[in-house]
Every structure is written in C-alpha cells, then in structure tokens.
Amino acid sequence: MPNDRDDVPHVARGNQTRPRERADSTGAEGALVLLGGACTPRGHALRSFLELSGALAGAPIVVLTAASADPEESAWYWAGAFKSIGAGNVTIPMFDRADEMRDRVIAHTIDQAGGVFLGGGDQVRLVGALSGTRTASAIVSLFRRGGTVCGTSAGAAALTELTMSGGEVDEEGSLVEQYIGPGLGLLGFGAIVDTHFSERRRLQRLFLVIASNPGLFGLGIDEDTALVVRGGIGEVRGAGAVTFVDGRDTVRFDNAAELEKGRQLTLSHLRVGIVGTHYRLHLGARELLDLVVLSRGDQGVRSQSIATSRDANS
C-alpha cells in the first residue's frame, strides 16, 4: 500500500477559523464513509463503501488519487485492491487541475457513478487540487442525490468543512505547527477528522486541535475502521474504534496559545469518548445515539436508530 502522509509543515493558526453551524450533510440522502487508513481489502471497513455504493453489484465507482505524492502508483494499488474483492466497474482517472477538458470528463464520469473513493496522501494537497473544480461539484452532487462518498486517511480528513495537519513532533523532535484550513465540506457538525488514530498515538494532537478550537468536534478514526455517516448518524464498522473529543461549552482552561514557547499542553474539562464497532454516534448532539434517545425521548431519533440497526443487520 502507498504510504499515506497526513502531515505537512504548513503554518497557520487553527483558532482563527470558525466552522459553519449548519451541518452540510443534514437532510442529504447519500452516505459518507470515513476510513482511518491502512484498510485491508476484504475488511468490513472498506466493504461498507462497496456495499453502499453498489460496487459489488456492478455499479460504477470512481477512484481519485490526487492526494498522493505518486498518484499513478496509488492508482495501481487501488485498481488491484478493488479487483481482488469483486468490484469490477472501477474508473481511476489521473486528475489534473490545469486540464479543463479532463476535469469535465471526470465530472461526467462521476455523474454516472454510484460512489467516489478518495485515496490517501496529503489532505491539504487534495483540497487544493479539487477546490473550485467541476470534479468537486460532481462529488457533492453525487452525494446529494444519494450516492456514496468515501475517503481513506487523507481522503477522509478532507471530507469535513475544516481539515487539519501538523501539530505533531517531527523526526528532529520539533513541533510542526498546527494547520487548520478549508476542507471539501461534505461533513458538517463542526467535525474535524484525524486518522491512523490509535496506531500513531494522535490523541495528544486532537487534544491540541480542540484546545485551540473548542467549537470543533474531533473524530479520531483507527486504521481499518470506518465511520459510516447517514443523516447525521455515524456508525462504526471494521477492526477498531472512533474516538471523539468535544470541548464545546466544557473547557475551563487551556494554554494552547502558549505552546509555541515550548510549554506542554495543559487542559481541563474536555469530553472524550470511544465508540466501538456497530455503536452509533449522533453527530449533532455529539453523543452516543442510545444516550440521546434515552435523554430526549426523541421518537424521530428512535425511529432512525431502529432503521439504522436493521440496515446493519440486513
């Protein structure tokens, strides 16, 4: 598998950026599949995308590898991976932002597809390449009409309104400054996604992001794990778990603005939870769906919970 590199030494302060309050995916008919990276081809995480997009039944899917430093190598890998698990109707075009005709052709191909898959690499590179293009508009349109959009690693991190990188110690022991900037905007709710989460010990990084931006909702997705989002409800599938970090209306103290002076992060009253396989997260309430149902007695949410449970068991 190509090596996904999620971190870039780009300088920006995250606390200068505000997410929109309204979630873009509210009321949408499609599904988002956020993969934590390093997915095994036959694992339940990747299979979620193949089933929802109809790829295993022959529906066409489009794979974009523009996040990768070597898009052609990444394309070869994914072509083999999807073929090995029975998805035969796969198109993997080489995206070129400067080529307007190619952009039109790719957008038309997406218009005929059941799903789009965004490979890993560098989420800032991916957002920069796609933003403002016909291809990006076609991805949004596919999602709106009920299609499935999936991203793995950097591809998942790019699907939110805001995307992140940096905030980790590099090979020389220096802290790479945190970057938070625009994402592709398909997932709202103030969510921001980190991947390879447990494997790369990124809890401290997500703490730093939320300390600097307490209105955001941090989602850390483990490798070979999917968070499948439909109608504002995210279900965990695959080998690992999803960690959520919430500082909205809870954080009493943090020293995030002082970290460039070499101090350690100090933080009080942060909500942290872990969502295991087949449990569901209510993204609007930032809580487990079962707890939302119990606390609110919300019949609409209860009905959605039952329907989602039936889908998972079908």
C-alpha atoms as a PDB file:
ATOM      1  CA  MET A   1       0.000   0.000   0.000  1.00  0.00           C
ATOM      2  CA  PRO A   2       1.263   3.516  -0.688  1.00  0.00           C
ATOM      3  CA  ASN A   3       2.425   5.366   2.395  1.00  0.00           C
ATOM      4  CA  ASP A   4      -0.191   7.931   3.423  1.00  0.00           C
ATOM      5  CA  ARG A   5       1.431  11.111   4.721  1.00  0.00           C
ATOM      6  CA  ASP A   6      -1.162  13.154   6.566  1.00  0.00           C
ATOM      7  CA  ASP A   7       1.114  15.848   7.962  1.00  0.00           C
ATOM      8  CA  VAL A   8       2.554  18.825   6.086  1.00  0.00           C
ATOM      9  CA  PRO A   9       4.729  21.608   7.537  1.00  0.00           C
ATOM     10  CA  HIS A  10       2.212  24.326   6.648  1.00  0.00           C
ATOM     11  CA  VAL A  11       1.957  27.276   9.021  1.00  0.00           C
ATOM     12  CA  ALA A  12      -1.450  28.502  10.158  1.00  0.00           C
ATOM     13  CA  ARG A  13      -3.221  29.017  13.451  1.00  0.00           C
ATOM     14  CA  GLY A  14      -6.353  26.923  13.859  1.00  0.00           C
ATOM     15  CA  ASN A  15      -8.098  29.229  16.324  1.00  0.00           C
ATOM     16  CA  GLN A  16      -8.638  31.823  13.607  1.00  0.00           C
ATOM     17  CA  THR A  17     -11.103  29.615  11.745  1.00  0.00           C
ATOM     18  CA  ARG A  18     -14.772  29.044  12.571  1.00  0.00           C
ATOM     19  CA  PRO A  19     -16.950  26.180  11.271  1.00  0.00           C
ATOM     20  CA  ARG A  20     -20.441  26.862   9.992  1.00  0.00           C
ATOM     21  CA  GLU A  21     -23.130  25.950  12.497  1.00  0.00           C
ATOM     22  CA  ARG A  22     -25.406  24.198   9.982  1.00  0.00           C
ATOM     23  CA  ALA A  23     -24.248  20.729   9.018  1.00  0.00           C
ATOM     24  CA  ASP A  24     -23.958  20.239   5.263  1.00  0.00           C
ATOM     25  CA  SER A  25     -24.936  16.568   5.467  1.00  0.00           C
ATOM     26  CA  THR A  26     -28.203  17.251   7.305  1.00  0.00           C
ATOM     27  CA  GLY A  27     -31.044  16.084   5.073  1.00  0.00           C
ATOM     28  CA  ALA A  28     -28.710  14.643   2.456  1.00  0.00           C
ATOM     29  CA  GLU A  29     -29.703  11.305   1.005  1.00  0.00           C
ATOM     30  CA  GLY A  30     -26.201   9.945   0.470  1.00  0.00           C
ATOM     31  CA  ALA A  31     -23.644   8.316   2.725  1.00  0.00           C
ATOM     32  CA  LEU A  32     -20.157   9.283   3.791  1.00  0.00           C
ATOM     33  CA  VAL A  33     -17.653   6.550   4.628  1.00  0.00           C
ATOM     34  CA  LEU A  34     -14.664   7.861   6.572  1.00  0.00           C
ATOM     35  CA  LEU A  35     -11.831   5.318   6.730  1.00  0.00           C
ATOM     36  CA  GLY A  36      -8.946   5.594   9.162  1.00  0.00           C
ATOM     37  CA  GLY A  37      -6.384   4.346   6.630  1.00  0.00           C
ATOM     38  CA  ALA A  38      -4.478   1.070   6.159  1.00  0.00           C
ATOM     39  CA  CYS A  39      -7.673  -0.726   5.180  1.00  0.00           C
ATOM     40  CA  THR A  40      -7.475  -4.403   4.359  1.00  0.00           C
ATOM     41  CA  PRO A  41      -9.213  -5.038   1.008  1.00  0.00           C
ATOM     42  CA  ARG A  42     -11.525  -7.681   2.451  1.00  0.00           C
ATOM     43  CA  GLY A  43     -12.159  -5.946   5.768  1.00  0.00           C
ATOM     44  CA  HIS A  44     -15.557  -4.716   6.953  1.00  0.00           C
ATOM     45  CA  ALA A  45     -14.471  -1.069   6.812  1.00  0.00           C
ATOM     46  CA  LEU A  46     -13.800  -0.927   3.072  1.00  0.00           C
ATOM     47  CA  ARG A  47     -16.667  -3.305   2.405  1.00  0.00           C
ATOM     48  CA  SER A  48     -19.035  -0.675   3.821  1.00  0.00           C
ATOM     49  CA  PHE A  49     -18.213   1.593   0.895  1.00  0.00           C
ATOM     50  CA  LEU A  50     -18.503  -1.201  -1.680  1.00  0.00           C
ATOM     51  CA  GLU A  51     -21.927  -2.229  -0.383  1.00  0.00           C
ATOM     52  CA  LEU A  52     -23.372   1.263  -0.045  1.00  0.00           C
ATOM     53  CA  SER A  53     -22.128   2.371  -3.472  1.00  0.00           C
ATOM     54  CA  GLY A  54     -23.394  -0.789  -5.161  1.00  0.00           C
ATOM     55  CA  ALA A  55     -19.902  -1.604  -6.430  1.00  0.00           C
ATOM     56  CA  LEU A  56     -20.192  -5.287  -5.527  1.00  0.00           C
ATOM     57  CA  ALA A  57     -23.352  -5.452  -7.664  1.00  0.00           C
ATOM     58  CA  GLY A  58     -21.623  -3.856 -10.643  1.00  0.00           C
ATOM     59  CA  ALA A  59     -22.348  -0.167 -10.074  1.00  0.00           C
ATOM     60  CA  PRO A  60     -19.570   2.100 -11.363  1.00  0.00           C
ATOM     61  CA  ILE A  61     -17.283   3.823  -8.884  1.00  0.00           C
ATOM     62  CA  VAL A  62     -14.619   6.475  -9.436  1.00  0.00           C
ATOM     63  CA  VAL A  63     -11.335   6.487  -7.529  1.00  0.00           C
ATOM     64  CA  LEU A  64      -9.299   9.690  -7.225  1.00  0.00           C
ATOM     65  CA  THR A  65      -5.666   9.521  -6.100  1.00  0.00           C
ATOM     66  CA  ALA A  66      -4.891  13.247  -6.275  1.00  0.00           C
ATOM     67  CA  ALA A  67      -3.906  13.313  -2.576  1.00  0.00           C
ATOM     68  CA  SER A  68      -0.939  11.046  -3.219  1.00  0.00           C
ATOM     69  CA  ALA A  69       2.602  12.211  -3.950  1.00  0.00           C
ATOM     70  CA  ASP A  70       2.602   9.474  -6.623  1.00  0.00           C
ATOM     71  CA  PRO A  71      -0.972   9.304  -7.998  1.00  0.00           C
ATOM     72  CA  GLU A  72      -0.128   6.662 -10.614  1.00  0.00           C
ATOM     73  CA  GLU A  73       1.399   4.261  -8.078  1.00  0.00           C
ATOM     74  CA  SER A  74      -1.602   4.773  -5.810  1.00  0.00           C
ATOM     75  CA  ALA A  75      -3.926   4.134  -8.759  1.00  0.00           C
ATOM     76  CA  TRP A  76      -2.220   0.812  -9.494  1.00  0.00           C
ATOM     77  CA  TYR A  77      -2.628  -0.253  -5.880  1.00  0.00           C
ATOM     78  CA  TRP A  78      -6.336   0.589  -5.684  1.00  0.00           C
ATOM     79  CA  ALA A  79      -7.087  -0.928  -9.082  1.00  0.00           C
ATOM     80  CA  GLY A  80      -5.689  -4.240  -7.852  1.00  0.00           C
ATOM     81  CA  ALA A  81      -7.342  -3.978  -4.438  1.00  0.00           C
ATOM     82  CA  PHE A  82     -10.831  -3.323  -5.787  1.00  0.00           C
ATOM     83  CA  LYS A  83     -10.493  -6.002  -8.460  1.00  0.00           C
ATOM     84  CA  SER A  84      -9.431  -8.566  -5.852  1.00  0.00           C
ATOM     85  CA  ILE A  85     -12.669  -8.112  -3.891  1.00  0.00           C
ATOM     86  CA  GLY A  86     -15.057  -8.182  -6.827  1.00  0.00           C
ATOM     87  CA  ALA A  87     -15.536  -4.526  -7.720  1.00  0.00           C
ATOM     88  CA  GLY A  88     -15.000  -4.700 -11.452  1.00  0.00           C
ATOM     89  CA  ASN A  89     -16.521  -1.429 -12.672  1.00  0.00           C
ATOM     90  CA  VAL A  90     -13.840   0.961 -11.379  1.00  0.00           C
ATOM     91  CA  THR A  91     -12.508   4.057 -13.131  1.00  0.00           C
ATOM     92  CA  ILE A  92      -9.301   5.673 -11.820  1.00  0.00           C
ATOM     93  CA  PRO A  93      -8.623   8.839 -13.836  1.00  0.00           C
ATOM     94  CA  MET A  94      -5.495  10.953 -13.341  1.00  0.00           C
ATOM     95  CA  PHE A  95      -6.841  14.295 -12.162  1.00  0.00           C
ATOM     96  CA  ASP A  96      -5.114  17.459 -13.384  1.00  0.00           C
ATOM     97  CA  ARG A  97      -6.466  20.753 -12.142  1.00  0.00           C
ATOM     98  CA  ALA A  98      -4.856  22.626 -15.041  1.00  0.00           C
ATOM     99  CA  ASP A  99      -6.565  20.428 -17.647  1.00  0.00           C
ATOM    100  CA  GLU A 100     -10.109  21.803 -18.035  1.00  0.00           C
ATOM    101  CA  MET A 101     -11.183  19.135 -20.504  1.00  0.00           C
ATOM    102  CA  ARG A 102     -10.022  16.344 -18.195  1.00  0.00           C
ATOM    103  CA  ASP A 103     -11.878  18.000 -15.335  1.00  0.00           C
ATOM    104  CA  ARG A 104     -15.076  17.963 -17.430  1.00  0.00           C
ATOM    105  CA  VAL A 105     -14.624  14.300 -18.372  1.00  0.00           C
ATOM    106  CA  ILE A 106     -14.004  13.219 -14.771  1.00  0.00           C
ATOM    107  CA  ALA A 107     -17.027  15.193 -13.579  1.00  0.00           C
ATOM    108  CA  HIS A 108     -19.204  13.486 -16.230  1.00  0.00           C
ATOM    109  CA  THR A 109     -17.883  10.081 -15.150  1.00  0.00           C
ATOM    110  CA  ILE A 110     -18.783  10.843 -11.526  1.00  0.00           C
ATOM    111  CA  ASP A 111     -22.268  11.883 -12.664  1.00  0.00           C
ATOM    112  CA  GLN A 112     -22.799   8.291 -13.862  1.00  0.00           C
ATOM    113  CA  ALA A 113     -21.273   6.621 -10.788  1.00  0.00           C
ATOM    114  CA  GLY A 114     -22.682   5.155  -7.605  1.00  0.00           C
ATOM    115  CA  GLY A 115     -19.750   6.236  -5.487  1.00  0.00           C
ATOM    116  CA  VAL A 116     -16.470   8.124  -5.303  1.00  0.00           C
ATOM    117  CA  PHE A 117     -13.396   6.963  -3.389  1.00  0.00           C
ATOM    118  CA  LEU A 118     -10.677   9.413  -2.335  1.00  0.00           C
ATOM    119  CA  GLY A 119      -7.299   7.817  -1.659  1.00  0.00           C
ATOM    120  CA  GLY A 120      -4.720   8.784   0.937  1.00  0.00           C
ATOM    121  CA  GLY A 121      -1.695  11.042   0.923  1.00  0.00           C
ATOM    122  CA  ASP A 122      -1.885  14.721   1.860  1.00  0.00           C
ATOM    123  CA  GLN A 123      -5.297  16.223   2.625  1.00  0.00           C
ATOM    124  CA  VAL A 124      -4.106  19.778   2.018  1.00  0.00           C
ATOM    125  CA  ARG A 125      -2.871  18.756  -1.434  1.00  0.00           C
ATOM    126  CA  LEU A 126      -6.186  17.041  -2.159  1.00  0.00           C
ATOM    127  CA  VAL A 127      -8.333  20.009  -1.131  1.00  0.00           C
ATOM    128  CA  GLY A 128      -6.107  22.405  -3.064  1.00  0.00           C
ATOM    129  CA  ALA A 129      -6.361  20.273  -6.182  1.00  0.00           C
ATOM    130  CA  LEU A 130     -10.136  19.771  -6.147  1.00  0.00           C
ATOM    131  CA  SER A 131     -11.496  23.051  -4.760  1.00  0.00           C
ATOM    132  CA  GLY A 132     -13.487  25.041  -7.290  1.00  0.00           C
ATOM    133  CA  THR A 133     -13.387  22.343  -9.985  1.00  0.00           C
ATOM    134  CA  ARG A 134     -16.202  20.594 -11.839  1.00  0.00           C
ATOM    135  CA  THR A 135     -14.943  17.362 -10.314  1.00  0.00           C
ATOM    136  CA  ALA A 136     -15.528  18.676  -6.794  1.00  0.00           C
ATOM    137  CA  SER A 137     -19.013  19.893  -7.756  1.00  0.00           C
ATOM    138  CA  ALA A 138     -19.806  16.484  -9.223  1.00  0.00           C
ATOM    139  CA  ILE A 139     -18.755  14.776  -5.983  1.00  0.00           C
ATOM    140  CA  VAL A 140     -21.113  16.999  -3.992  1.00  0.00           C
ATOM    141  CA  SER A 141     -23.935  16.389  -6.485  1.00  0.00           C
ATOM    142  CA  LEU A 142     -23.425  12.630  -6.283  1.00  0.00           C
ATOM    143  CA  PHE A 143     -23.687  12.806  -2.503  1.00  0.00           C
ATOM    144  CA  ARG A 144     -26.827  14.959  -2.676  1.00  0.00           C
ATOM    145  CA  ARG A 145     -28.630  12.565  -4.984  1.00  0.00           C
ATOM    146  CA  GLY A 146     -27.973   9.572  -2.738  1.00  0.00           C
ATOM    147  CA  GLY A 147     -24.538   8.353  -3.798  1.00  0.00           C
ATOM    148  CA  THR A 148     -21.708   7.321  -1.519  1.00  0.00           C
ATOM    149  CA  VAL A 149     -18.507   9.283  -0.984  1.00  0.00           C
ATOM    150  CA  CYS A 150     -15.636   7.540   0.764  1.00  0.00           C
ATOM    151  CA  GLY A 151     -12.225   8.749   1.829  1.00  0.00           C
ATOM    152  CA  THR A 152      -9.351   6.881   3.404  1.00  0.00           C
ATOM    153  CA  SER A 153      -6.692   8.549   5.550  1.00  0.00           C
ATOM    154  CA  ALA A 154      -6.107  11.974   3.934  1.00  0.00           C
ATOM    155  CA  GLY A 155      -9.205  11.388   1.806  1.00  0.00           C
ATOM    156  CA  ALA A 156     -11.306  11.083   4.966  1.00  0.00           C
ATOM    157  CA  ALA A 157      -9.677  14.099   6.627  1.00  0.00           C
ATOM    158  CA  ALA A 158     -10.540  16.224   3.571  1.00  0.00           C
ATOM    159  CA  LEU A 159     -14.293  15.495   3.636  1.00  0.00           C
ATOM    160  CA  THR A 160     -15.108  17.846   6.517  1.00  0.00           C
ATOM    161  CA  GLU A 161     -15.658  21.609   6.344  1.00  0.00           C
ATOM    162  CA  LEU A 162     -12.272  22.111   8.016  1.00  0.00           C
ATOM    163  CA  THR A 163      -9.238  19.857   7.653  1.00  0.00           C
ATOM    164  CA  MET A 164      -6.148  19.591   9.827  1.00  0.00           C
ATOM    165  CA  SER A 165      -2.478  18.686   9.675  1.00  0.00           C
ATOM    166  CA  GLY A 166       0.677  19.329  11.685  1.00  0.00           C
ATOM    167  CA  GLY A 167       0.529  19.539  15.480  1.00  0.00           C
ATOM    168  CA  GLU A 168       2.951  16.631  15.905  1.00  0.00           C
ATOM    169  CA  VAL A 169       6.621  16.273  16.692  1.00  0.00           C
ATOM    170  CA  ASP A 170       8.757  15.665  13.610  1.00  0.00           C
ATOM    171  CA  GLU A 171      11.762  13.342  13.254  1.00  0.00           C
ATOM    172  CA  GLU A 172      14.063  16.020  14.678  1.00  0.00           C
ATOM    173  CA  GLY A 173      11.952  16.451  17.804  1.00  0.00           C
ATOM    174  CA  SER A 174      10.433  19.803  16.810  1.00  0.00           C
ATOM    175  CA  LEU A 175       6.725  20.539  16.953  1.00  0.00           C
ATOM    176  CA  VAL A 176       5.289  21.104  13.473  1.00  0.00           C
ATOM    177  CA  GLU A 177       2.855  23.986  13.766  1.00  0.00           C
ATOM    178  CA  GLN A 178      -0.778  23.039  13.581  1.00  0.00           C
ATOM    179  CA  TYR A 179      -2.656  23.805  10.375  1.00  0.00           C
ATOM    180  CA  ILE A 180      -6.429  24.060  10.103  1.00  0.00           C
ATOM    181  CA  GLY A 181      -7.938  25.151   6.813  1.00  0.00           C
ATOM    182  CA  PRO A 182     -10.834  24.568   4.420  1.00  0.00           C
ATOM    183  CA  GLY A 183     -11.924  21.044   3.570  1.00  0.00           C
ATOM    184  CA  LEU A 184     -14.292  19.754   0.891  1.00  0.00           C
ATOM    185  CA  GLY A 185     -17.302  20.476   3.107  1.00  0.00           C
ATOM    186  CA  LEU A 186     -19.412  17.324   2.803  1.00  0.00           C
ATOM    187  CA  LEU A 187     -19.495  16.616   6.550  1.00  0.00           C
ATOM    188  CA  GLY A 188     -20.583  19.467   8.780  1.00  0.00           C
ATOM    189  CA  PHE A 189     -21.462  19.411  12.505  1.00  0.00           C
ATOM    190  CA  GLY A 190     -18.211  21.256  13.270  1.00  0.00           C
ATOM    191  CA  ALA A 191     -16.455  17.889  12.835  1.00  0.00           C
ATOM    192  CA  ILE A 192     -12.751  17.576  12.123  1.00  0.00           C
ATOM    193  CA  VAL A 193     -11.181  14.186  11.371  1.00  0.00           C
ATOM    194  CA  ASP A 194      -7.863  12.604  12.310  1.00  0.00           C
ATOM    195  CA  THR A 195      -6.847   9.167  11.004  1.00  0.00           C
ATOM    196  CA  HIS A 196      -4.437   6.320  11.852  1.00  0.00           C
ATOM    197  CA  PHE A 197      -5.531   7.434  15.284  1.00  0.00           C
ATOM    198  CA  SER A 198      -4.576   4.782  17.858  1.00  0.00           C
ATOM    199  CA  GLU A 199      -1.751   3.393  15.760  1.00  0.00           C
ATOM    200  CA  ARG A 200       0.057   6.753  15.536  1.00  0.00           C
ATOM    201  CA  ARG A 201      -0.917   7.862  19.052  1.00  0.00           C
ATOM    202  CA  ARG A 202      -2.661  11.005  17.876  1.00  0.00           C
ATOM    203  CA  LEU A 203      -4.847  11.692  20.909  1.00  0.00           C
ATOM    204  CA  GLN A 204      -2.495  14.487  22.018  1.00  0.00           C
ATOM    205  CA  ARG A 205      -2.741  16.058  18.557  1.00  0.00           C
ATOM    206  CA  LEU A 206      -6.528  16.039  18.647  1.00  0.00           C
ATOM    207  CA  PHE A 207      -6.461  17.491  22.162  1.00  0.00           C
ATOM    208  CA  LEU A 208      -4.362  20.356  20.808  1.00  0.00           C
ATOM    209  CA  VAL A 209      -6.781  20.985  17.936  1.00  0.00           C
ATOM    210  CA  ILE A 210      -9.807  21.122  20.231  1.00  0.00           C
ATOM    211  CA  ALA A 211      -7.985  23.205  22.846  1.00  0.00           C
ATOM    212  CA  SER A 212      -7.247  25.782  20.132  1.00  0.00           C
ATOM    213  CA  ASN A 213     -10.734  25.450  18.583  1.00  0.00           C
ATOM    214  CA  PRO A 214     -13.200  24.374  21.323  1.00  0.00           C
ATOM    215  CA  GLY A 215     -16.180  24.670  18.987  1.00  0.00           C
ATOM    216  CA  LEU A 216     -14.923  21.827  16.815  1.00  0.00           C
ATOM    217  CA  PHE A 217     -15.858  18.162  17.268  1.00  0.00           C
ATOM    218  CA  GLY A 218     -12.800  15.934  16.933  1.00  0.00           C
ATOM    219  CA  LEU A 219     -13.140  12.448  15.442  1.00  0.00           C
ATOM    220  CA  GLY A 220     -10.134  10.122  15.590  1.00  0.00           C
ATOM    221  CA  ILE A 221     -10.575   7.037  13.391  1.00  0.00           C
ATOM    222  CA  ASP A 222      -8.426   3.934  13.856  1.00  0.00           C
ATOM    223  CA  GLU A 223      -6.860   2.043  10.968  1.00  0.00           C
ATOM    224  CA  ASP A 224      -9.020  -0.454   9.053  1.00  0.00           C
ATOM    225  CA  THR A 225     -12.050   1.226  10.630  1.00  0.00           C
ATOM    226  CA  ALA A 226     -14.950   3.125   9.080  1.00  0.00           C
ATOM    227  CA  LEU A 227     -17.313   5.766  10.389  1.00  0.00           C
ATOM    228  CA  VAL A 228     -20.360   5.466   8.122  1.00  0.00           C
ATOM    229  CA  VAL A 229     -22.446   8.652   8.271  1.00  0.00           C
ATOM    230  CA  ARG A 230     -26.036   8.865   7.070  1.00  0.00           C
ATOM    231  CA  GLY A 231     -28.480  11.553   8.112  1.00  0.00           C
ATOM    232  CA  GLY A 232     -26.249  12.854  10.874  1.00  0.00           C
ATOM    233  CA  ILE A 233     -25.747   9.439  12.483  1.00  0.00           C
ATOM    234  CA  GLY A 234     -22.312   7.786  12.300  1.00  0.00           C
ATOM    235  CA  GLU A 235     -21.910   4.037  12.769  1.00  0.00           C
ATOM    236  CA  VAL A 236     -18.528   2.448  13.466  1.00  0.00           C
ATOM    237  CA  ARG A 237     -17.546  -0.581  11.412  1.00  0.00           C
ATOM    238  CA  GLY A 238     -14.333  -2.512  10.985  1.00  0.00           C
ATOM    239  CA  ALA A 239     -11.417  -3.522  13.180  1.00  0.00           C
ATOM    240  CA  GLY A 240     -11.028  -0.539  15.511  1.00  0.00           C
ATOM    241  CA  ALA A 241     -12.896   2.310  17.130  1.00  0.00           C
ATOM    242  CA  VAL A 242     -13.620   6.017  16.749  1.00  0.00           C
ATOM    243  CA  THR A 243     -12.567   8.420  19.494  1.00  0.00           C
ATOM    244  CA  PHE A 244     -14.484  11.662  19.869  1.00  0.00           C
ATOM    245  CA  VAL A 245     -13.175  14.803  21.573  1.00  0.00           C
ATOM    246  CA  ASP A 246     -15.548  17.659  22.397  1.00  0.00           C
ATOM    247  CA  GLY A 247     -14.629  20.965  24.031  1.00  0.00           C
ATOM    248  CA  ARG A 248     -17.784  22.909  23.264  1.00  0.00           C
ATOM    249  CA  ASP A 249     -19.147  24.507  26.452  1.00  0.00           C
ATOM    250  CA  THR A 250     -16.889  22.310  28.614  1.00  0.00           C
ATOM    251  CA  VAL A 251     -13.268  23.513  28.543  1.00  0.00           C
ATOM    252  CA  ARG A 252     -12.422  25.602  31.609  1.00  0.00           C
ATOM    253  CA  PHE A 253      -8.731  26.187  30.984  1.00  0.00           C
ATOM    254  CA  ASP A 254      -6.145  25.636  28.267  1.00  0.00           C
ATOM    255  CA  ASN A 255      -2.742  27.037  27.391  1.00  0.00           C
ATOM    256  CA  ALA A 256      -2.860  26.169  23.663  1.00  0.00           C
ATOM    257  CA  ALA A 257      -1.788  29.684  22.633  1.00  0.00           C
ATOM    258  CA  GLU A 258       1.450  29.341  24.644  1.00  0.00           C
ATOM    259  CA  LEU A 259       2.719  26.073  23.165  1.00  0.00           C
ATOM    260  CA  GLU A 260       4.994  27.777  20.639  1.00  0.00           C
ATOM    261  CA  LYS A 261       7.077  28.840  23.664  1.00  0.00           C
ATOM    262  CA  GLY A 262       7.927  25.214  24.350  1.00  0.00           C
ATOM    263  CA  ARG A 263       5.382  24.535  27.087  1.00  0.00           C
ATOM    264  CA  GLN A 264       3.352  21.342  27.437  1.00  0.00           C
ATOM    265  CA  LEU A 265      -0.384  21.364  26.784  1.00  0.00           C
ATOM    266  CA  THR A 266      -2.477  21.940  29.904  1.00  0.00           C
ATOM    267  CA  LEU A 267      -6.205  21.413  29.539  1.00  0.00           C
ATOM    268  CA  SER A 268      -9.175  20.986  31.877  1.00  0.00           C
ATOM    269  CA  HIS A 269     -12.679  19.611  31.318  1.00  0.00           C
ATOM    270  CA  LEU A 270     -12.609  18.047  27.871  1.00  0.00           C
ATOM    271  CA  ARG A 271     -15.219  15.450  26.878  1.00  0.00           C
ATOM    272  CA  VAL A 272     -13.655  12.299  25.437  1.00  0.00           C
ATOM    273  CA  GLY A 273     -15.425   9.129  24.358  1.00  0.00           C
ATOM    274  CA  ILE A 274     -14.745   5.956  22.387  1.00  0.00           C
ATOM    275  CA  VAL A 275     -17.284   4.419  20.007  1.00  0.00           C
ATOM    276  CA  GLY A 276     -16.820   0.739  19.238  1.00  0.00           C
ATOM    277  CA  THR A 277     -17.963  -1.410  16.350  1.00  0.00           C
ATOM    278  CA  HIS A 278     -21.683  -1.193  15.492  1.00  0.00           C
ATOM    279  CA  TYR A 279     -22.308   1.584  18.029  1.00  0.00           C
ATOM    280  CA  ARG A 280     -23.683   4.832  16.631  1.00  0.00           C
ATOM    281  CA  LEU A 281     -22.777   8.450  17.255  1.00  0.00           C
ATOM    282  CA  HIS A 282     -25.269  11.309  16.968  1.00  0.00           C
ATOM    283  CA  LEU A 283     -23.074  13.983  15.389  1.00  0.00           C
ATOM    284  CA  GLY A 284     -25.393  16.889  16.156  1.00  0.00           C
ATOM    285  CA  ALA A 285     -25.663  16.014  19.840  1.00  0.00           C
ATOM    286  CA  ARG A 286     -22.017  14.850  19.987  1.00  0.00           C
ATOM    287  CA  GLU A 287     -23.051  11.795  21.955  1.00  0.00           C
ATOM    288  CA  LEU A 288     -23.830   8.104  21.573  1.00  0.00           C
ATOM    289  CA  LEU A 289     -27.153   7.697  19.823  1.00  0.00           C
ATOM    290  CA  ASP A 290     -28.536   5.412  22.538  1.00  0.00           C
ATOM    291  CA  LEU A 291     -27.886   8.082  25.188  1.00  0.00           C
ATOM    292  CA  VAL A 292     -29.513  10.770  23.042  1.00  0.00           C
ATOM    293  CA  VAL A 293     -32.631   8.619  22.678  1.00  0.00           C
ATOM    294  CA  LEU A 294     -32.783   7.953  26.414  1.00  0.00           C
ATOM    295  CA  SER A 295     -32.211  11.551  27.462  1.00  0.00           C
ATOM    296  CA  ARG A 296     -34.524  13.216  24.949  1.00  0.00           C
ATOM    297  CA  GLY A 297     -37.156  10.593  24.327  1.00  0.00           C
ATOM    298  CA  ASP A 298     -36.858  11.691  20.692  1.00  0.00           C
ATOM    299  CA  GLN A 299     -39.133   9.462  18.656  1.00  0.00           C
ATOM    300  CA  GLY A 300     -37.622  10.643  15.393  1.00  0.00           C
ATOM    301  CA  VAL A 301     -34.147   9.679  16.513  1.00  0.00           C
ATOM    302  CA  ARG A 302     -35.511   6.426  17.953  1.00  0.00           C
ATOM    303  CA  SER A 303     -37.053   5.542  14.587  1.00  0.00           C
ATOM    304  CA  GLN A 304     -33.807   6.346  12.808  1.00  0.00           C
ATOM    305  CA  SER A 305     -31.904   4.224  15.310  1.00  0.00           C
ATOM    306  CA  ILE A 306     -34.173   1.256  14.616  1.00  0.00           C
ATOM    307  CA  ALA A 307     -33.875   1.731  10.839  1.00  0.00           C
ATOM    308  CA  THR A 308     -30.085   2.015  11.021  1.00  0.00           C
ATOM    309  CA  SER A 309     -29.915  -1.082  13.193  1.00  0.00           C
ATOM    310  CA  ARG A 310     -31.991  -3.015  10.662  1.00  0.00           C
ATOM    311  CA  ASP A 311     -29.698  -1.873   7.853  1.00  0.00           C
ATOM    312  CA  ALA A 312     -26.656  -3.042   9.787  1.00  0.00           C
ATOM    313  CA  ASN A 313     -28.155  -6.462  10.373  1.00  0.00           C
ATOM    314  CA  SER A 314     -29.533  -6.985   6.869  1.00  0.00           C
END
